[in-house]
């Protein structure tokens, strides 16, 4: 999922960057903490940065440092620290992998601490987390099409009504990009079930509220005679539903 970086709320001592979101629950994302350590003053630099996550439930699952002399510990899950192993105040950057486990706002907060154990800089960034869209309750395909693993035998060039239900009217904007589609597959000799003759419209995807049934009319190609194909109905929830056909 494409996300936009949240503007860092920071001073010159420490900066935090995180995706503004929305990201989905259980979808990992990256938080970057930069420690420029550019102050000319000894106590204006930090060999330690403390980082914690607040708000919606989330866990730091890994942390990478930009230099070998820096180390991080996030054993607590939602909080931890990164420090220079020999007390140097070299510039550093830390890349944290965060996994949100609840919806809401996750705030990544960083606190830079100098050699006198004094906080000299703070920064934070927010990420919005939401639950993924629920999957459509697909049922189908209905007659005249037989469901996989059955193979439907049909005359090439015929229009085939593929009927299904999503347990109510979900609108007509339910198809994934590029869907439906079909691809040629091997004919392995499996016995094919004939598709019964029925009334076929040419109106593409329609919805019948009385029957709670979607219908997509698939216009096949005469050139497919003697081949087999699998029809793919990809929906906008990410699911893919297939039916197999052998063309006469």
C-alpha atoms as a PDB file:
ATOM      1  CA  UNK A   1       0.000   0.000   0.000  1.00  0.00           C
ATOM      2  CA  UNK A   2       1.290   3.448  -0.931  1.00  0.00           C
ATOM      3  CA  UNK A   3       1.785   5.729   2.083  1.00  0.00           C
ATOM      4  CA  UNK A   4       3.029   9.274   2.504  1.00  0.00           C
ATOM      5  CA  UNK A   5       5.776  10.186   4.953  1.00  0.00           C
ATOM      6  CA  UNK A   6       4.515  12.050   7.972  1.00  0.00           C
ATOM      7  CA  UNK A   7       6.240  15.387   8.576  1.00  0.00           C
ATOM      8  CA  UNK A   8       8.755  14.960  11.382  1.00  0.00           C
ATOM      9  CA  UNK A   9       8.224  17.042  14.504  1.00  0.00           C
ATOM     10  CA  UNK A  10      11.829  17.593  15.473  1.00  0.00           C
ATOM     11  CA  UNK A  11      14.630  19.891  16.519  1.00  0.00           C
ATOM     12  CA  UNK A  12      18.215  19.978  15.306  1.00  0.00           C
ATOM     13  CA  UNK A  13      19.240  17.198  17.698  1.00  0.00           C
ATOM     14  CA  UNK A  14      16.952  14.336  16.644  1.00  0.00           C
ATOM     15  CA  UNK A  15      14.411  13.715  13.863  1.00  0.00           C
ATOM     16  CA  UNK A  16      11.759  11.022  13.411  1.00  0.00           C
ATOM     17  CA  UNK A  17      10.176  10.057  10.092  1.00  0.00           C
ATOM     18  CA  UNK A  18       7.296   7.594   9.693  1.00  0.00           C
ATOM     19  CA  UNK A  19       4.571   6.929   7.104  1.00  0.00           C
ATOM     20  CA  UNK A  20       1.481   9.022   7.740  1.00  0.00           C
ATOM     21  CA  UNK A  21      -0.618   6.059   6.626  1.00  0.00           C
ATOM     22  CA  UNK A  22      -3.049   4.680   6.530  1.00  0.00           C
ATOM     23  CA  UNK A  23      -1.381   1.315   6.981  1.00  0.00           C
ATOM     24  CA  UNK A  24      -3.264  -1.847   7.794  1.00  0.00           C
ATOM     25  CA  UNK A  25      -3.201  -3.727  11.069  1.00  0.00           C
ATOM     26  CA  UNK A  26      -0.325  -6.284  11.046  1.00  0.00           C
ATOM     27  CA  UNK A  27       1.274  -4.554   8.023  1.00  0.00           C
ATOM     28  CA  UNK A  28       4.939  -3.738   8.862  1.00  0.00           C
ATOM     29  CA  UNK A  29       6.193  -0.224   8.222  1.00  0.00           C
ATOM     30  CA  UNK A  30       9.455   1.647   8.772  1.00  0.00           C
ATOM     31  CA  UNK A  31      10.321   4.400  11.244  1.00  0.00           C
ATOM     32  CA  UNK A  32      13.603   6.263  10.807  1.00  0.00           C
ATOM     33  CA  UNK A  33      15.322   8.102  13.669  1.00  0.00           C
ATOM     34  CA  UNK A  34      18.173  10.433  12.711  1.00  0.00           C
ATOM     35  CA  UNK A  35      20.726  11.718  15.208  1.00  0.00           C
ATOM     36  CA  UNK A  36      22.851  14.305  13.345  1.00  0.00           C
ATOM     37  CA  UNK A  37      24.984  15.191  16.413  1.00  0.00           C
ATOM     38  CA  UNK A  38      25.980  18.389  14.679  1.00  0.00           C
ATOM     39  CA  UNK A  39      26.204  20.675  17.710  1.00  0.00           C
ATOM     40  CA  UNK A  40      29.643  22.262  18.347  1.00  0.00           C
ATOM     41  CA  UNK A  41      29.051  21.832  22.108  1.00  0.00           C
ATOM     42  CA  UNK A  42      30.053  18.640  23.949  1.00  0.00           C
ATOM     43  CA  UNK A  43      26.769  18.488  25.881  1.00  0.00           C
ATOM     44  CA  UNK A  44      24.781  19.328  22.756  1.00  0.00           C
ATOM     45  CA  UNK A  45      25.475  15.869  21.328  1.00  0.00           C
ATOM     46  CA  UNK A  46      23.898  12.546  22.299  1.00  0.00           C
ATOM     47  CA  UNK A  47      25.421   9.083  22.619  1.00  0.00           C
ATOM     48  CA  UNK A  48      21.962   7.675  23.507  1.00  0.00           C
ATOM     49  CA  UNK A  49      18.480   7.974  22.058  1.00  0.00           C
ATOM     50  CA  UNK A  50      15.420   6.497  23.781  1.00  0.00           C
ATOM     51  CA  UNK A  51      12.510   5.541  21.515  1.00  0.00           C
ATOM     52  CA  UNK A  52       8.976   4.472  22.394  1.00  0.00           C
ATOM     53  CA  UNK A  53       5.711   3.812  20.648  1.00  0.00           C
ATOM     54  CA  UNK A  54       2.519   5.189  22.161  1.00  0.00           C
ATOM     55  CA  UNK A  55      -1.131   5.188  21.149  1.00  0.00           C
ATOM     56  CA  UNK A  56      -2.424   2.197  19.196  1.00  0.00           C
ATOM     57  CA  UNK A  57      -0.764  -1.133  19.950  1.00  0.00           C
ATOM     58  CA  UNK A  58       2.452  -1.694  17.983  1.00  0.00           C
ATOM     59  CA  UNK A  59       5.773  -3.500  18.365  1.00  0.00           C
ATOM     60  CA  UNK A  60       9.305  -2.803  17.140  1.00  0.00           C
ATOM     61  CA  UNK A  61      10.358  -6.109  15.586  1.00  0.00           C
ATOM     62  CA  UNK A  62      13.826  -5.100  14.381  1.00  0.00           C
ATOM     63  CA  UNK A  63      16.265  -2.190  14.481  1.00  0.00           C
ATOM     64  CA  UNK A  64      19.201  -1.470  12.206  1.00  0.00           C
ATOM     65  CA  UNK A  65      21.923   1.085  12.854  1.00  0.00           C
ATOM     66  CA  UNK A  66      23.941   3.104  10.368  1.00  0.00           C
ATOM     67  CA  UNK A  67      27.268   2.368  12.090  1.00  0.00           C
ATOM     68  CA  UNK A  68      29.031  -0.551  13.771  1.00  0.00           C
ATOM     69  CA  UNK A  69      29.601   1.409  16.975  1.00  0.00           C
ATOM     70  CA  UNK A  70      25.876   1.798  17.595  1.00  0.00           C
ATOM     71  CA  UNK A  71      23.553  -0.843  19.053  1.00  0.00           C
ATOM     72  CA  UNK A  72      19.823  -1.006  19.791  1.00  0.00           C
ATOM     73  CA  UNK A  73      17.697  -3.006  22.208  1.00  0.00           C
ATOM     74  CA  UNK A  74      13.917  -3.205  21.881  1.00  0.00           C
ATOM     75  CA  UNK A  75      13.314  -6.264  24.039  1.00  0.00           C
ATOM     76  CA  UNK A  76      10.340  -4.465  25.595  1.00  0.00           C
ATOM     77  CA  UNK A  77       8.647  -4.412  22.210  1.00  0.00           C
ATOM     78  CA  UNK A  78       7.134  -0.943  22.219  1.00  0.00           C
ATOM     79  CA  UNK A  79      10.140   0.879  23.704  1.00  0.00           C
ATOM     80  CA  UNK A  80      13.903   0.673  23.708  1.00  0.00           C
ATOM     81  CA  UNK A  81      17.164   2.523  23.269  1.00  0.00           C
ATOM     82  CA  UNK A  82      20.003   2.924  20.802  1.00  0.00           C
ATOM     83  CA  UNK A  83      23.455   3.890  22.077  1.00  0.00           C
ATOM     84  CA  UNK A  84      27.055   4.258  21.029  1.00  0.00           C
ATOM     85  CA  UNK A  85      29.086   1.333  22.370  1.00  0.00           C
ATOM     86  CA  UNK A  86      32.092   3.494  23.323  1.00  0.00           C
ATOM     87  CA  UNK A  87      30.253   6.685  24.205  1.00  0.00           C
ATOM     88  CA  UNK A  88      31.075   8.527  20.974  1.00  0.00           C
ATOM     89  CA  UNK A  89      28.634  11.056  19.582  1.00  0.00           C
ATOM     90  CA  UNK A  90      29.044  10.165  15.934  1.00  0.00           C
ATOM     91  CA  UNK A  91      26.126  11.013  13.624  1.00  0.00           C
ATOM     92  CA  UNK A  92      23.783   8.037  13.369  1.00  0.00           C
ATOM     93  CA  UNK A  93      20.551   6.842  11.816  1.00  0.00           C
ATOM     94  CA  UNK A  94      18.307   4.039  13.077  1.00  0.00           C
ATOM     95  CA  UNK A  95      15.764   2.124  10.981  1.00  0.00           C
ATOM     96  CA  UNK A  96      13.012   0.448  12.956  1.00  0.00           C
ATOM     97  CA  UNK A  97      10.500  -2.074  11.625  1.00  0.00           C
ATOM     98  CA  UNK A  98       7.174  -1.545  13.365  1.00  0.00           C
ATOM     99  CA  UNK A  99       4.214  -3.938  13.274  1.00  0.00           C
ATOM    100  CA  UNK A 100       0.904  -2.376  14.411  1.00  0.00           C
ATOM    101  CA  UNK A 101      -1.504  -4.802  16.063  1.00  0.00           C
ATOM    102  CA  UNK A 102      -4.403  -2.434  16.684  1.00  0.00           C
ATOM    103  CA  UNK A 103      -6.117   0.367  14.807  1.00  0.00           C
ATOM    104  CA  UNK A 104      -5.695   4.020  15.683  1.00  0.00           C
ATOM    105  CA  UNK A 105      -2.685   6.339  15.786  1.00  0.00           C
ATOM    106  CA  UNK A 106       0.804   5.037  16.553  1.00  0.00           C
ATOM    107  CA  UNK A 107       3.172   7.783  17.721  1.00  0.00           C
ATOM    108  CA  UNK A 108       6.915   7.135  17.505  1.00  0.00           C
ATOM    109  CA  UNK A 109       8.714   9.322  20.050  1.00  0.00           C
ATOM    110  CA  UNK A 110      12.485   9.820  20.307  1.00  0.00           C
ATOM    111  CA  UNK A 111      14.447  11.423  23.141  1.00  0.00           C
ATOM    112  CA  UNK A 112      18.139  12.291  22.698  1.00  0.00           C
ATOM    113  CA  UNK A 113      20.213  12.125  25.899  1.00  0.00           C
ATOM    114  CA  UNK A 114      23.685  13.632  26.373  1.00  0.00           C
ATOM    115  CA  UNK A 115      26.629  12.465  28.518  1.00  0.00           C
ATOM    116  CA  UNK A 116      25.164  14.258  31.548  1.00  0.00           C
ATOM    117  CA  UNK A 117      22.007  12.115  31.228  1.00  0.00           C
ATOM    118  CA  UNK A 118      20.042  15.222  30.253  1.00  0.00           C
ATOM    119  CA  UNK A 119      17.408  15.271  27.541  1.00  0.00           C
ATOM    120  CA  UNK A 120      18.643  17.617  24.828  1.00  0.00           C
ATOM    121  CA  UNK A 121      16.155  16.926  22.044  1.00  0.00           C
ATOM    122  CA  UNK A 122      12.851  15.232  21.304  1.00  0.00           C
ATOM    123  CA  UNK A 123      10.912  14.383  18.162  1.00  0.00           C
ATOM    124  CA  UNK A 124       7.836  12.394  17.151  1.00  0.00           C
ATOM    125  CA  UNK A 125       5.837  11.242  14.132  1.00  0.00           C
ATOM    126  CA  UNK A 126       2.328   9.786  13.846  1.00  0.00           C
ATOM    127  CA  UNK A 127       1.110   6.870  11.719  1.00  0.00           C
ATOM    128  CA  UNK A 128      -2.565   6.111  11.167  1.00  0.00           C
ATOM    129  CA  UNK A 129      -3.464   2.407  11.315  1.00  0.00           C
ATOM    130  CA  UNK A 130      -6.725   0.891  10.137  1.00  0.00           C
ATOM    131  CA  UNK A 131      -8.238  -2.545   9.802  1.00  0.00           C
ATOM    132  CA  UNK A 132      -8.143  -4.027   6.283  1.00  0.00           C
ATOM    133  CA  UNK A 133     -11.348  -3.949   4.316  1.00  0.00           C
ATOM    134  CA  UNK A 134     -13.402  -7.079   5.059  1.00  0.00           C
ATOM    135  CA  UNK A 135     -13.451  -9.738   2.374  1.00  0.00           C
ATOM    136  CA  UNK A 136     -16.580 -10.105   0.293  1.00  0.00           C
ATOM    137  CA  UNK A 137     -18.675 -13.131   1.364  1.00  0.00           C
ATOM    138  CA  UNK A 138     -18.495 -14.715  -2.101  1.00  0.00           C
ATOM    139  CA  UNK A 139     -20.797 -17.566  -3.047  1.00  0.00           C
ATOM    140  CA  UNK A 140     -21.106 -18.983  -6.541  1.00  0.00           C
ATOM    141  CA  UNK A 141     -20.606 -19.609  -9.346  1.00  0.00           C
ATOM    142  CA  UNK A 142     -24.264 -20.488  -9.880  1.00  0.00           C
ATOM    143  CA  UNK A 143     -25.912 -22.410 -12.731  1.00  0.00           C
ATOM    144  CA  UNK A 144     -25.390 -22.689 -15.616  1.00  0.00           C
ATOM    145  CA  UNK A 145     -21.673 -22.686 -14.683  1.00  0.00           C
ATOM    146  CA  UNK A 146     -20.247 -25.557 -12.636  1.00  0.00           C
ATOM    147  CA  UNK A 147     -17.718 -24.691  -9.926  1.00  0.00           C
ATOM    148  CA  UNK A 148     -14.088 -25.808  -9.905  1.00  0.00           C
ATOM    149  CA  UNK A 149     -12.710 -28.400  -9.976  1.00  0.00           C
ATOM    150  CA  UNK A 150     -15.436 -29.286 -12.480  1.00  0.00           C
ATOM    151  CA  UNK A 151     -14.700 -28.417 -16.118  1.00  0.00           C
ATOM    152  CA  UNK A 152     -17.443 -26.721 -18.133  1.00  0.00           C
ATOM    153  CA  UNK A 153     -17.901 -27.807 -21.760  1.00  0.00           C
ATOM    154  CA  UNK A 154     -19.096 -24.960 -23.983  1.00  0.00           C
ATOM    155  CA  UNK A 155     -19.148 -23.896 -27.616  1.00  0.00           C
ATOM    156  CA  UNK A 156     -16.411 -21.401 -28.424  1.00  0.00           C
ATOM    157  CA  UNK A 157     -17.780 -17.960 -29.249  1.00  0.00           C
ATOM    158  CA  UNK A 158     -20.706 -18.251 -26.888  1.00  0.00           C
ATOM    159  CA  UNK A 159     -21.472 -15.658 -24.209  1.00  0.00           C
ATOM    160  CA  UNK A 160     -21.456 -17.244 -20.756  1.00  0.00           C
ATOM    161  CA  UNK A 161     -23.297 -15.739 -17.766  1.00  0.00           C
ATOM    162  CA  UNK A 162     -21.171 -16.112 -14.627  1.00  0.00           C
ATOM    163  CA  UNK A 163     -23.451 -15.628 -11.628  1.00  0.00           C
ATOM    164  CA  UNK A 164     -22.454 -15.149  -7.989  1.00  0.00           C
ATOM    165  CA  UNK A 165     -23.542 -13.484  -4.766  1.00  0.00           C
ATOM    166  CA  UNK A 166     -21.711 -11.266  -2.266  1.00  0.00           C
ATOM    167  CA  UNK A 167     -24.485 -11.471   0.336  1.00  0.00           C
ATOM    168  CA  UNK A 168     -26.117  -8.197  -0.604  1.00  0.00           C
ATOM    169  CA  UNK A 169     -25.618  -5.272  -2.940  1.00  0.00           C
ATOM    170  CA  UNK A 170     -21.964  -4.166  -2.779  1.00  0.00           C
ATOM    171  CA  UNK A 171     -22.282  -1.897  -5.795  1.00  0.00           C
ATOM    172  CA  UNK A 172     -20.803  -2.465  -9.237  1.00  0.00           C
ATOM    173  CA  UNK A 173     -17.311  -1.234  -8.356  1.00  0.00           C
ATOM    174  CA  UNK A 174     -16.297  -4.651  -7.031  1.00  0.00           C
ATOM    175  CA  UNK A 175     -13.870  -5.855  -9.684  1.00  0.00           C
ATOM    176  CA  UNK A 176     -10.105  -5.688  -9.307  1.00  0.00           C
ATOM    177  CA  UNK A 177      -8.098  -3.838 -11.937  1.00  0.00           C
ATOM    178  CA  UNK A 178      -7.836  -5.952 -15.079  1.00  0.00           C
ATOM    179  CA  UNK A 179     -10.599  -8.297 -13.976  1.00  0.00           C
ATOM    180  CA  UNK A 180     -12.197 -10.488 -15.141  1.00  0.00           C
ATOM    181  CA  UNK A 181      -9.555 -12.277 -17.178  1.00  0.00           C
ATOM    182  CA  UNK A 182      -8.887 -15.716 -18.600  1.00  0.00           C
ATOM    183  CA  UNK A 183      -5.864 -17.734 -19.576  1.00  0.00           C
ATOM    184  CA  UNK A 184      -5.359 -20.864 -21.616  1.00  0.00           C
ATOM    185  CA  UNK A 185      -4.692 -24.016 -19.608  1.00  0.00           C
ATOM    186  CA  UNK A 186      -3.880 -27.617 -20.468  1.00  0.00           C
ATOM    187  CA  UNK A 187      -6.743 -29.987 -21.228  1.00  0.00           C
ATOM    188  CA  UNK A 188      -5.938 -33.054 -19.126  1.00  0.00           C
ATOM    189  CA  UNK A 189      -8.793 -35.275 -20.247  1.00  0.00           C
ATOM    190  CA  UNK A 190     -11.023 -34.471 -17.268  1.00  0.00           C
ATOM    191  CA  UNK A 191     -14.663 -35.150 -18.034  1.00  0.00           C
ATOM    192  CA  UNK A 192     -16.376 -31.865 -18.871  1.00  0.00           C
ATOM    193  CA  UNK A 193     -19.865 -30.839 -17.732  1.00  0.00           C
ATOM    194  CA  UNK A 194     -21.964 -29.115 -20.399  1.00  0.00           C
ATOM    195  CA  UNK A 195     -23.067 -25.541 -19.723  1.00  0.00           C
ATOM    196  CA  UNK A 196     -26.850 -25.487 -19.966  1.00  0.00           C
ATOM    197  CA  UNK A 197     -28.437 -23.196 -22.513  1.00  0.00           C
ATOM    198  CA  UNK A 198     -30.010 -20.105 -20.958  1.00  0.00           C
ATOM    199  CA  UNK A 199     -30.898 -16.505 -21.620  1.00  0.00           C
ATOM    200  CA  UNK A 200     -27.762 -14.360 -21.893  1.00  0.00           C
ATOM    201  CA  UNK A 201     -27.635 -10.578 -21.809  1.00  0.00           C
ATOM    202  CA  UNK A 202     -24.803  -8.458 -23.181  1.00  0.00           C
ATOM    203  CA  UNK A 203     -24.743  -5.837 -20.445  1.00  0.00           C
ATOM    204  CA  UNK A 204     -21.522  -6.845 -18.665  1.00  0.00           C
ATOM    205  CA  UNK A 205     -21.688  -6.805 -14.863  1.00  0.00           C
ATOM    206  CA  UNK A 206     -25.188  -6.397 -13.431  1.00  0.00           C
ATOM    207  CA  UNK A 207     -26.866  -6.931 -10.072  1.00  0.00           C
ATOM    208  CA  UNK A 208     -30.340  -8.380  -9.485  1.00  0.00           C
ATOM    209  CA  UNK A 209     -31.548  -7.256  -6.060  1.00  0.00           C
ATOM    210  CA  UNK A 210     -34.537  -9.639  -6.018  1.00  0.00           C
ATOM    211  CA  UNK A 211     -32.274 -12.659  -6.515  1.00  0.00           C
ATOM    212  CA  UNK A 212     -29.259 -11.117  -4.724  1.00  0.00           C
ATOM    213  CA  UNK A 213     -27.183 -12.186  -7.711  1.00  0.00           C
ATOM    214  CA  UNK A 214     -24.407 -10.545  -9.702  1.00  0.00           C
ATOM    215  CA  UNK A 215     -24.020 -11.595 -13.314  1.00  0.00           C
ATOM    216  CA  UNK A 216     -20.989 -11.041 -15.504  1.00  0.00           C
ATOM    217  CA  UNK A 217     -21.438 -11.970 -19.158  1.00  0.00           C
ATOM    218  CA  UNK A 218     -18.225 -13.396 -20.576  1.00  0.00           C
ATOM    219  CA  UNK A 219     -17.989 -13.243 -24.375  1.00  0.00           C
ATOM    220  CA  UNK A 220     -15.756 -16.117 -25.493  1.00  0.00           C
ATOM    221  CA  UNK A 221     -13.791 -16.317 -28.744  1.00  0.00           C
ATOM    222  CA  UNK A 222     -14.533 -18.737 -31.602  1.00  0.00           C
ATOM    223  CA  UNK A 223     -10.765 -19.210 -31.975  1.00  0.00           C
ATOM    224  CA  UNK A 224     -10.698 -20.960 -28.598  1.00  0.00           C
ATOM    225  CA  UNK A 225     -12.332 -24.093 -30.063  1.00  0.00           C
ATOM    226  CA  UNK A 226     -10.357 -27.182 -29.076  1.00  0.00           C
ATOM    227  CA  UNK A 227      -8.664 -25.454 -26.107  1.00  0.00           C
ATOM    228  CA  UNK A 228      -9.232 -25.102 -22.384  1.00  0.00           C
ATOM    229  CA  UNK A 229      -9.191 -21.885 -20.347  1.00  0.00           C
ATOM    230  CA  UNK A 230      -9.565 -20.792 -16.727  1.00  0.00           C
ATOM    231  CA  UNK A 231     -11.771 -17.792 -16.034  1.00  0.00           C
ATOM    232  CA  UNK A 232     -10.556 -15.535 -13.193  1.00  0.00           C
ATOM    233  CA  UNK A 233     -12.952 -13.249 -11.340  1.00  0.00           C
ATOM    234  CA  UNK A 234     -10.707 -10.983  -9.283  1.00  0.00           C
ATOM    235  CA  UNK A 235     -12.522  -8.816  -6.752  1.00  0.00           C
ATOM    236  CA  UNK A 236     -11.419  -5.564  -5.161  1.00  0.00           C
ATOM    237  CA  UNK A 237     -10.958  -7.305  -1.783  1.00  0.00           C
ATOM    238  CA  UNK A 238      -8.002  -9.193  -3.288  1.00  0.00           C
ATOM    239  CA  UNK A 239      -9.794 -12.511  -3.756  1.00  0.00           C
ATOM    240  CA  UNK A 240      -9.690 -14.527  -6.984  1.00  0.00           C
ATOM    241  CA  UNK A 241     -12.454 -16.940  -7.978  1.00  0.00           C
ATOM    242  CA  UNK A 242     -11.995 -19.343 -10.891  1.00  0.00           C
ATOM    243  CA  UNK A 243     -14.014 -21.546 -13.196  1.00  0.00           C
ATOM    244  CA  UNK A 244     -12.615 -23.998 -15.769  1.00  0.00           C
ATOM    245  CA  UNK A 245     -13.821 -24.319 -19.362  1.00  0.00           C
ATOM    246  CA  UNK A 246     -13.247 -26.656 -22.303  1.00  0.00           C
ATOM    247  CA  UNK A 247     -14.259 -25.203 -25.670  1.00  0.00           C
ATOM    248  CA  UNK A 248     -15.780 -27.192 -28.504  1.00  0.00           C
END
